[in-house]
PDB file of all heavy atoms in Angstrom:
ATOM      1  N   ALA A   1     103.738  90.098  85.789  1.00  0.00           N
ATOM      2  CA  ALA A   1     102.369  90.616  85.769  1.00  0.00           C
ATOM      3  C   ALA A   1     102.324  92.093  86.131  1.00  0.00           C
ATOM      4  O   ALA A   1     101.293  92.737  85.977  1.00  0.00           O
ATOM      5  CB  ALA A   1     101.491  89.812  86.738  1.00  0.00           C
ATOM      6  N   GLY A   2     103.447  92.639  86.610  1.00  0.00           N
ATOM      7  CA  GLY A   2     103.497  94.044  87.005  1.00  0.00           C
ATOM      8  C   GLY A   2     102.759  94.317  88.298  1.00  0.00           C
ATOM      9  O   GLY A   2     102.305  95.438  88.539  1.00  0.00           O
ATOM     10  N   LEU A   3     102.637  93.296  89.148  1.00  0.00           N
ATOM     11  CA  LEU A   3     101.852  93.429  90.373  1.00  0.00           C
ATOM     12  C   LEU A   3     102.661  93.159  91.637  1.00  0.00           C
ATOM     13  O   LEU A   3     102.121  92.749  92.660  1.00  0.00           O
ATOM     14  CB  LEU A   3     100.637  92.492  90.303  1.00  0.00           C
ATOM     15  CG  LEU A   3      99.609  92.893  89.256  1.00  0.00           C
ATOM     16  CD1 LEU A   3      98.607  91.772  89.008  1.00  0.00           C
ATOM     17  CD2 LEU A   3      98.894  94.174  89.661  1.00  0.00           C
ATOM     18  N   SER A   4     103.958  93.424  91.579  1.00  0.00           N
ATOM     19  CA  SER A   4     104.789  93.228  92.768  1.00  0.00           C
ATOM     20  C   SER A   4     104.970  94.545  93.518  1.00  0.00           C
ATOM     21  O   SER A   4     104.760  95.623  92.960  1.00  0.00           O
ATOM     22  CB  SER A   4     106.154  92.665  92.370  1.00  0.00           C
ATOM     23  OG  SER A   4     106.838  93.577  91.532  1.00  0.00           O
ATOM     24  N   PHE A   5     105.298  94.426  94.796  1.00  0.00           N
ATOM     25  CA  PHE A   5     105.634  95.602  95.595  1.00  0.00           C
ATOM     26  C   PHE A   5     106.681  95.217  96.627  1.00  0.00           C
ATOM     27  O   PHE A   5     106.847  94.044  96.966  1.00  0.00           O
ATOM     28  CB  PHE A   5     104.383  96.220  96.252  1.00  0.00           C
ATOM     29  CG  PHE A   5     103.859  95.463  97.443  1.00  0.00           C
ATOM     30  CD1 PHE A   5     104.151  95.883  98.740  1.00  0.00           C
ATOM     31  CD2 PHE A   5     103.063  94.337  97.281  1.00  0.00           C
ATOM     32  CE1 PHE A   5     103.670  95.187  99.839  1.00  0.00           C
ATOM     33  CE2 PHE A   5     102.578  93.645  98.371  1.00  0.00           C
ATOM     34  CZ  PHE A   5     102.879  94.068  99.657  1.00  0.00           C
ATOM     35  N   ASP A   6     107.394  96.205  97.115  1.00  0.00           N
ATOM     36  CA  ASP A   6     108.453  95.972  98.099  1.00  0.00           C
ATOM     37  C   ASP A   6     107.832  95.806  99.478  1.00  0.00           C
ATOM     38  O   ASP A   6     107.349  96.761 100.072  1.00  0.00           O
ATOM     39  CB  ASP A   6     109.446  97.139  98.095  1.00  0.00           C
ATOM     40  CG  ASP A   6     110.591  96.940  99.076  1.00  0.00           C
ATOM     41  OD1 ASP A   6     110.656  95.892  99.750  1.00  0.00           O
ATOM     42  OD2 ASP A   6     111.430  97.851  99.171  1.00  0.00           O
ATOM     43  N   ALA A   7     107.858  94.588  99.979  1.00  0.00           N
ATOM     44  CA  ALA A   7     107.323  94.290 101.309  1.00  0.00           C
ATOM     45  C   ALA A   7     108.444  93.884 102.251  1.00  0.00           C
ATOM     46  O   ALA A   7     108.208  93.210 103.257  1.00  0.00           O
ATOM     47  CB  ALA A   7     106.288  93.179 101.218  1.00  0.00           C
ATOM     48  N   SER A   8     109.664  94.304 101.944  1.00  0.00           N
ATOM     49  CA  SER A   8     110.814  93.865 102.736  1.00  0.00           C
ATOM     50  C   SER A   8     110.732  94.290 104.198  1.00  0.00           C
ATOM     51  O   SER A   8     111.251  93.601 105.064  1.00  0.00           O
ATOM     52  CB  SER A   8     112.124  94.336 102.101  1.00  0.00           C
ATOM     53  OG  SER A   8     112.132  95.744 101.972  1.00  0.00           O
ATOM     54  N   GLY A   9     110.057  95.389 104.487  1.00  0.00           N
ATOM     55  CA  GLY A   9     109.943  95.835 105.868  1.00  0.00           C
ATOM     56  C   GLY A   9     109.141  94.895 106.740  1.00  0.00           C
ATOM     57  O   GLY A   9     109.412  94.755 107.932  1.00  0.00           O
ATOM     58  N   LEU A  10     108.167  94.200 106.180  1.00  0.00           N
ATOM     59  CA  LEU A  10     107.312  93.306 106.958  1.00  0.00           C
ATOM     60  C   LEU A  10     107.502  91.839 106.591  1.00  0.00           C
ATOM     61  O   LEU A  10     107.592  90.987 107.460  1.00  0.00           O
ATOM     62  CB  LEU A  10     105.840  93.696 106.765  1.00  0.00           C
ATOM     63  CG  LEU A  10     104.808  92.862 107.516  1.00  0.00           C
ATOM     64  CD1 LEU A  10     104.995  92.999 109.028  1.00  0.00           C
ATOM     65  CD2 LEU A  10     103.403  93.310 107.134  1.00  0.00           C
ATOM     66  N   LEU A  11     107.579  91.555 105.301  1.00  0.00           N
ATOM     67  CA  LEU A  11     107.606  90.165 104.854  1.00  0.00           C
ATOM     68  C   LEU A  11     108.966  89.727 104.304  1.00  0.00           C
ATOM     69  O   LEU A  11     109.114  88.590 103.868  1.00  0.00           O
ATOM     70  CB  LEU A  11     106.519  89.937 103.798  1.00  0.00           C
ATOM     71  CG  LEU A  11     105.089  90.204 104.278  1.00  0.00           C
ATOM     72  CD1 LEU A  11     104.102  90.099 103.128  1.00  0.00           C
ATOM     73  CD2 LEU A  11     104.713  89.262 105.403  1.00  0.00           C
ATOM     74  N   GLY A  12     109.935  90.623 104.291  1.00  0.00           N
ATOM     75  CA  GLY A  12     111.299  90.246 103.956  1.00  0.00           C
ATOM     76  C   GLY A  12     111.706  90.304 102.502  1.00  0.00           C
ATOM     77  O   GLY A  12     112.880  90.149 102.197  1.00  0.00           O
ATOM     78  N   ASN A  13     110.763  90.493 101.585  1.00  0.00           N
ATOM     79  CA  ASN A  13     111.134  90.563 100.172  1.00  0.00           C
ATOM     80  C   ASN A  13     110.004  91.195  99.359  1.00  0.00           C
ATOM     81  O   ASN A  13     109.045  91.701  99.917  1.00  0.00           O
ATOM     82  CB  ASN A  13     111.477  89.167  99.627  1.00  0.00           C
ATOM     83  CG  ASN A  13     110.336  88.174  99.731  1.00  0.00           C
ATOM     84  OD1 ASN A  13     109.254  88.482 100.219  1.00  0.00           O
ATOM     85  ND2 ASN A  13     110.578  86.963  99.279  1.00  0.00           N
ATOM     86  N   THR A  14     110.150  91.144  98.053  1.00  0.00           N
ATOM     87  CA  THR A  14     109.115  91.647  97.157  1.00  0.00           C
ATOM     88  C   THR A  14     107.960  90.657  97.165  1.00  0.00           C
ATOM     89  O   THR A  14     108.181  89.440  97.109  1.00  0.00           O
ATOM     90  CB  THR A  14     109.679  91.809  95.736  1.00  0.00           C
ATOM     91  OG1 THR A  14     110.757  92.742  95.795  1.00  0.00           O
ATOM     92  CG2 THR A  14     108.630  92.319  94.777  1.00  0.00           C
ATOM     93  N   ARG A  15     106.747  91.170  97.237  1.00  0.00           N
ATOM     94  CA  ARG A  15     105.551  90.323  97.280  1.00  0.00           C
ATOM     95  C   ARG A  15     104.537  90.780  96.250  1.00  0.00           C
ATOM     96  O   ARG A  15     104.711  91.796  95.588  1.00  0.00           O
ATOM     97  CB  ARG A  15     104.907  90.379  98.677  1.00  0.00           C
ATOM     98  CG  ARG A  15     105.768  89.829  99.788  1.00  0.00           C
ATOM     99  CD  ARG A  15     106.034  88.329  99.609  1.00  0.00           C
ATOM    100  NE  ARG A  15     106.873  87.821 100.662  1.00  0.00           N
ATOM    101  CZ  ARG A  15     106.504  86.893 101.533  1.00  0.00           C
ATOM    102  NH1 ARG A  15     105.305  86.374 101.482  1.00  0.00           N
ATOM    103  NH2 ARG A  15     107.354  86.489 102.454  1.00  0.00           N
ATOM    104  N   SER A  16     103.449  90.032  96.174  1.00  0.00           N
ATOM    105  CA  SER A  16     102.378  90.332  95.234  1.00  0.00           C
ATOM    106  C   SER A  16     101.370  91.285  95.843  1.00  0.00           C
ATOM    107  O   SER A  16     101.028  91.166  97.024  1.00  0.00           O
ATOM    108  CB  SER A  16     101.645  89.028  94.855  1.00  0.00           C
ATOM    109  OG  SER A  16     100.523  89.305  94.049  1.00  0.00           O
ATOM    110  N   GLN A  17     100.890  92.202  95.035  1.00  0.00           N
ATOM    111  CA  GLN A  17      99.716  92.966  95.432  1.00  0.00           C
ATOM    112  C   GLN A  17      98.565  91.975  95.530  1.00  0.00           C
ATOM    113  O   GLN A  17      98.604  90.890  94.947  1.00  0.00           O
ATOM    114  CB  GLN A  17      99.384  94.032  94.383  1.00  0.00           C
ATOM    115  CG  GLN A  17     100.412  95.127  94.279  1.00  0.00           C
ATOM    116  CD  GLN A  17     100.039  96.121  93.178  1.00  0.00           C
ATOM    117  OE1 GLN A  17      98.892  96.280  92.817  1.00  0.00           O
ATOM    118  NE2 GLN A  17     101.048  96.785  92.637  1.00  0.00           N
ATOM    119  N   ARG A  18      97.528  92.336  96.258  1.00  0.00           N
ATOM    120  CA  ARG A  18      96.353  91.471  96.354  1.00  0.00           C
ATOM    121  C   ARG A  18      95.452  91.778  95.148  1.00  0.00           C
ATOM    122  O   ARG A  18      95.037  92.909  94.954  1.00  0.00           O
ATOM    123  CB  ARG A  18      95.598  91.734  97.658  1.00  0.00           C
ATOM    124  CG  ARG A  18      94.451  90.767  97.898  1.00  0.00           C
ATOM    125  CD  ARG A  18      93.777  91.011  99.234  1.00  0.00           C
ATOM    126  NE  ARG A  18      94.700  91.162 100.340  1.00  0.00           N
ATOM    127  CZ  ARG A  18      95.338  90.155 100.944  1.00  0.00           C
ATOM    128  NH1 ARG A  18      95.143  88.921 100.541  1.00  0.00           N
ATOM    129  NH2 ARG A  18      96.172  90.395 101.942  1.00  0.00           N
ATOM    130  N   TYR A  19      95.195  90.756  94.336  1.00  0.00           N
ATOM    131  CA  TYR A  19      94.379  90.952  93.146  1.00  0.00           C
ATOM    132  C   TYR A  19      93.633  89.667  92.791  1.00  0.00           C
ATOM    133  O   TYR A  19      93.983  88.582  93.262  1.00  0.00           O
ATOM    134  CB  TYR A  19      95.236  91.386  91.949  1.00  0.00           C
ATOM    135  CG  TYR A  19      96.168  90.317  91.425  1.00  0.00           C
ATOM    136  CD1 TYR A  19      95.770  89.467  90.389  1.00  0.00           C
ATOM    137  CD2 TYR A  19      97.438  90.144  91.961  1.00  0.00           C
ATOM    138  CE1 TYR A  19      96.610  88.479  89.914  1.00  0.00           C
ATOM    139  CE2 TYR A  19      98.288  89.153  91.493  1.00  0.00           C
ATOM    140  CZ  TYR A  19      97.872  88.321  90.472  1.00  0.00           C
ATOM    141  OH  TYR A  19      98.698  87.326  90.004  1.00  0.00           O
ATOM    142  N   VAL A  20      92.635  89.807  91.963  1.00  0.00           N
ATOM    143  CA  VAL A  20      91.928  88.667  91.373  1.00  0.00           C
ATOM    144  C   VAL A  20      91.748  88.985  89.898  1.00  0.00           C
ATOM    145  O   VAL A  20      91.223  90.046  89.546  1.00  0.00           O
ATOM    146  CB  VAL A  20      90.551  88.420  92.029  1.00  0.00           C
ATOM    147  CG1 VAL A  20      89.825  87.275  91.326  1.00  0.00           C
ATOM    148  CG2 VAL A  20      90.697  88.131  93.514  1.00  0.00           C
ATOM    149  N   ALA A  21      92.209  88.080  89.061  1.00  0.00           N
ATOM    150  CA  ALA A  21      92.034  88.227  87.613  1.00  0.00           C
ATOM    151  C   ALA A  21      91.098  87.135  87.115  1.00  0.00           C
ATOM    152  O   ALA A  21      91.277  85.958  87.432  1.00  0.00           O
ATOM    153  CB  ALA A  21      93.378  88.120  86.900  1.00  0.00           C
ATOM    154  N   VAL A  22      90.088  87.542  86.366  1.00  0.00           N
ATOM    155  CA  VAL A  22      89.193  86.608  85.690  1.00  0.00           C
ATOM    156  C   VAL A  22      89.793  86.419  84.300  1.00  0.00           C
ATOM    157  O   VAL A  22      89.890  87.380  83.529  1.00  0.00           O
ATOM    158  CB  VAL A  22      87.752  87.164  85.595  1.00  0.00           C
ATOM    159  CG1 VAL A  22      86.844  86.166  84.884  1.00  0.00           C
ATOM    160  CG2 VAL A  22      87.216  87.536  86.970  1.00  0.00           C
ATOM    161  N   VAL A  23      90.223  85.198  84.005  1.00  0.00           N
ATOM    162  CA  VAL A  23      90.930  84.917  82.760  1.00  0.00           C
ATOM    163  C   VAL A  23      90.126  83.928  81.928  1.00  0.00           C
ATOM    164  O   VAL A  23      89.604  82.945  82.460  1.00  0.00           O
ATOM    165  CB  VAL A  23      92.331  84.327  83.051  1.00  0.00           C
ATOM    166  CG1 VAL A  23      93.074  84.000  81.761  1.00  0.00           C
ATOM    167  CG2 VAL A  23      93.148  85.275  83.921  1.00  0.00           C
ATOM    168  N   GLU A  24      90.029  84.227  80.654  1.00  0.00           N
ATOM    169  CA  GLU A  24      89.391  83.292  79.737  1.00  0.00           C
ATOM    170  C   GLU A  24      90.264  83.147  78.505  1.00  0.00           C
ATOM    171  O   GLU A  24      90.590  84.142  77.847  1.00  0.00           O
ATOM    172  CB  GLU A  24      87.989  83.758  79.343  1.00  0.00           C
ATOM    173  CG  GLU A  24      87.235  82.723  78.545  1.00  0.00           C
ATOM    174  CD  GLU A  24      85.741  83.013  78.446  1.00  0.00           C
ATOM    175  OE1 GLU A  24      85.293  84.102  78.855  1.00  0.00           O
ATOM    176  OE2 GLU A  24      85.031  82.134  77.946  1.00  0.00           O
ATOM    177  N   ASN A  25      90.674  81.907  78.239  1.00  0.00           N
ATOM    178  CA  ASN A  25      91.538  81.600  77.095  1.00  0.00           C
ATOM    179  C   ASN A  25      92.740  82.539  77.031  1.00  0.00           C
ATOM    180  O   ASN A  25      93.018  83.144  76.003  1.00  0.00           O
ATOM    181  CB  ASN A  25      90.730  81.608  75.797  1.00  0.00           C
ATOM    182  CG  ASN A  25      89.653  80.545  75.818  1.00  0.00           C
ATOM    183  OD1 ASN A  25      89.872  79.440  76.323  1.00  0.00           O
ATOM    184  ND2 ASN A  25      88.491  80.876  75.302  1.00  0.00           N
ATOM    185  N   ASN A  26      93.418  82.678  78.160  1.00  0.00           N
ATOM    186  CA  ASN A  26      94.666  83.436  78.317  1.00  0.00           C
ATOM    187  C   ASN A  26      94.502  84.954  78.243  1.00  0.00           C
ATOM    188  O   ASN A  26      95.474  85.680  78.196  1.00  0.00           O
ATOM    189  CB  ASN A  26      95.723  82.966  77.306  1.00  0.00           C
ATOM    190  CG  ASN A  26      97.115  83.409  77.695  1.00  0.00           C
ATOM    191  OD1 ASN A  26      97.460  83.458  78.877  1.00  0.00           O
ATOM    192  ND2 ASN A  26      97.932  83.744  76.727  1.00  0.00           N
ATOM    193  N   THR A  27      93.287  85.456  78.239  1.00  0.00           N
ATOM    194  CA  THR A  27      93.055  86.899  78.216  1.00  0.00           C
ATOM    195  C   THR A  27      92.316  87.316  79.479  1.00  0.00           C
ATOM    196  O   THR A  27      91.326  86.699  79.849  1.00  0.00           O
ATOM    197  CB  THR A  27      92.230  87.306  76.969  1.00  0.00           C
ATOM    198  OG1 THR A  27      92.948  86.899  75.794  1.00  0.00           O
ATOM    199  CG2 THR A  27      91.994  88.802  76.922  1.00  0.00           C
ATOM    200  N   VAL A  28      92.807  88.374  80.114  1.00  0.00           N
ATOM    201  CA  VAL A  28      92.180  88.887  81.322  1.00  0.00           C
ATOM    202  C   VAL A  28      90.873  89.578  80.941  1.00  0.00           C
ATOM    203  O   VAL A  28      90.866  90.539  80.168  1.00  0.00           O
ATOM    204  CB  VAL A  28      93.115  89.871  82.073  1.00  0.00           C
ATOM    205  CG1 VAL A  28      92.421  90.469  83.286  1.00  0.00           C
ATOM    206  CG2 VAL A  28      94.413  89.171  82.482  1.00  0.00           C
ATOM    207  N   GLN A  29      89.777  89.072  81.464  1.00  0.00           N
ATOM    208  CA  GLN A  29      88.453  89.642  81.212  1.00  0.00           C
ATOM    209  C   GLN A  29      88.133  90.761  82.198  1.00  0.00           C
ATOM    210  O   GLN A  29      87.543  91.767  81.839  1.00  0.00           O
ATOM    211  CB  GLN A  29      87.378  88.554  81.313  1.00  0.00           C
ATOM    212  CG  GLN A  29      87.600  87.398  80.358  1.00  0.00           C
ATOM    213  CD  GLN A  29      87.570  87.820  78.906  1.00  0.00           C
ATOM    214  OE1 GLN A  29      86.660  88.505  78.471  1.00  0.00           O
ATOM    215  NE2 GLN A  29      88.584  87.435  78.155  1.00  0.00           N
ATOM    216  N   GLN A  30      88.501  90.536  83.460  1.00  0.00           N
ATOM    217  CA  GLN A  30      88.304  91.518  84.529  1.00  0.00           C
ATOM    218  C   GLN A  30      89.462  91.357  85.504  1.00  0.00           C
ATOM    219  O   GLN A  30      89.991  90.257  85.660  1.00  0.00           O
ATOM    220  CB  GLN A  30      87.005  91.250  85.307  1.00  0.00           C
ATOM    221  CG  GLN A  30      85.729  91.438  84.539  1.00  0.00           C
ATOM    222  CD  GLN A  30      84.532  90.994  85.376  1.00  0.00           C
ATOM    223  OE1 GLN A  30      84.311  89.805  85.543  1.00  0.00           O
ATOM    224  NE2 GLN A  30      83.785  91.940  85.901  1.00  0.00           N
ATOM    225  N   ILE A  31      89.813  92.447  86.178  1.00  0.00           N
ATOM    226  CA  ILE A  31      90.820  92.345  87.230  1.00  0.00           C
ATOM    227  C   ILE A  31      90.438  93.292  88.359  1.00  0.00           C
ATOM    228  O   ILE A  31      89.951  94.396  88.118  1.00  0.00           O
ATOM    229  CB  ILE A  31      92.257  92.600  86.712  1.00  0.00           C
ATOM    230  CG1 ILE A  31      93.277  92.292  87.810  1.00  0.00           C
ATOM    231  CG2 ILE A  31      92.398  93.974  86.126  1.00  0.00           C
ATOM    232  CD1 ILE A  31      94.692  92.081  87.302  1.00  0.00           C
ATOM    233  N   PHE A  32      90.619  92.799  89.555  1.00  0.00           N
ATOM    234  CA  PHE A  32      90.290  93.545  90.767  1.00  0.00           C
ATOM    235  C   PHE A  32      91.570  93.630  91.588  1.00  0.00           C
ATOM    236  O   PHE A  32      92.180  92.598  91.875  1.00  0.00           O
ATOM    237  CB  PHE A  32      89.192  92.827  91.551  1.00  0.00           C
ATOM    238  CG  PHE A  32      88.003  92.478  90.694  1.00  0.00           C
ATOM    239  CD1 PHE A  32      87.921  91.257  90.044  1.00  0.00           C
ATOM    240  CD2 PHE A  32      86.975  93.394  90.517  1.00  0.00           C
ATOM    241  CE1 PHE A  32      86.835  90.935  89.237  1.00  0.00           C
ATOM    242  CE2 PHE A  32      85.879  93.086  89.714  1.00  0.00           C
ATOM    243  CZ  PHE A  32      85.817  91.858  89.074  1.00  0.00           C
ATOM    244  N   ILE A  33      91.991  94.853  91.935  1.00  0.00           N
ATOM    245  CA  ILE A  33      93.247  95.054  92.653  1.00  0.00           C
ATOM    246  C   ILE A  33      92.982  95.921  93.881  1.00  0.00           C
ATOM    247  O   ILE A  33      92.356  96.982  93.769  1.00  0.00           O
ATOM    248  CB  ILE A  33      94.307  95.738  91.757  1.00  0.00           C
ATOM    249  CG1 ILE A  33      94.529  94.925  90.475  1.00  0.00           C
ATOM    250  CG2 ILE A  33      95.617  95.932  92.522  1.00  0.00           C
ATOM    251  CD1 ILE A  33      95.403  95.613  89.439  1.00  0.00           C
ATOM    252  N   GLU A  34      93.481  95.472  95.018  1.00  0.00           N
ATOM    253  CA  GLU A  34      93.348  96.263  96.242  1.00  0.00           C
ATOM    254  C   GLU A  34      94.299  97.455  96.200  1.00  0.00           C
ATOM    255  O   GLU A  34      95.404  97.355  95.672  1.00  0.00           O
ATOM    256  CB  GLU A  34      93.665  95.404  97.477  1.00  0.00           C
ATOM    257  CG  GLU A  34      92.726  94.248  97.704  1.00  0.00           C
ATOM    258  CD  GLU A  34      91.313  94.647  98.107  1.00  0.00           C
ATOM    259  OE1 GLU A  34      91.057  95.838  98.393  1.00  0.00           O
ATOM    260  OE2 GLU A  34      90.461  93.750  98.144  1.00  0.00           O
ATOM    261  N   ASP A  35      93.861  98.569  96.796  1.00  0.00           N
ATOM    262  CA  ASP A  35      94.712  99.757  96.890  1.00  0.00           C
ATOM    263  C   ASP A  35      95.905  99.519  97.806  1.00  0.00           C
ATOM    264  O   ASP A  35      96.984 100.044  97.582  1.00  0.00           O
ATOM    265  CB  ASP A  35      93.913 100.960  97.404  1.00  0.00           C
ATOM    266  CG  ASP A  35      92.895 101.447  96.390  1.00  0.00           C
ATOM    267  OD1 ASP A  35      93.089 101.207  95.184  1.00  0.00           O
ATOM    268  OD2 ASP A  35      91.903 102.063  96.810  1.00  0.00           O
ATOM    269  N   GLU A  36      95.701  98.728  98.863  1.00  0.00           N
ATOM    270  CA  GLU A  36      96.766  98.407  99.807  1.00  0.00           C
ATOM    271  C   GLU A  36      96.711  96.917 100.104  1.00  0.00           C
ATOM    272  O   GLU A  36      95.628  96.341 100.262  1.00  0.00           O
ATOM    273  CB  GLU A  36      96.598  99.204 101.098  1.00  0.00           C
ATOM    274  CG  GLU A  36      96.774 100.701 100.892  1.00  0.00           C
ATOM    275  CD  GLU A  36      96.644 101.481 102.189  1.00  0.00           C
ATOM    276  OE1 GLU A  36      96.823 100.892 103.273  1.00  0.00           O
ATOM    277  OE2 GLU A  36      96.352 102.681 102.115  1.00  0.00           O
ATOM    278  N   ALA A  37      97.887  96.285 100.224  1.00  0.00           N
ATOM    279  CA  ALA A  37      97.976  94.833 100.383  1.00  0.00           C
ATOM    280  C   ALA A  37      97.158  94.262 101.546  1.00  0.00           C
ATOM    281  O   ALA A  37      96.563  93.194 101.401  1.00  0.00           O
ATOM    282  CB  ALA A  37      99.430  94.413 100.517  1.00  0.00           C
TER     283      ALA A  37
END
């Protein structure tokens, strides 16, 4: 999804950015992504 980040300093590995995707029939209609996890 292209939404990973290196969180090894705190969480030990690569993690997901915080986001919400509104999906309809496999297409993203809207997406909301936080600037910082």
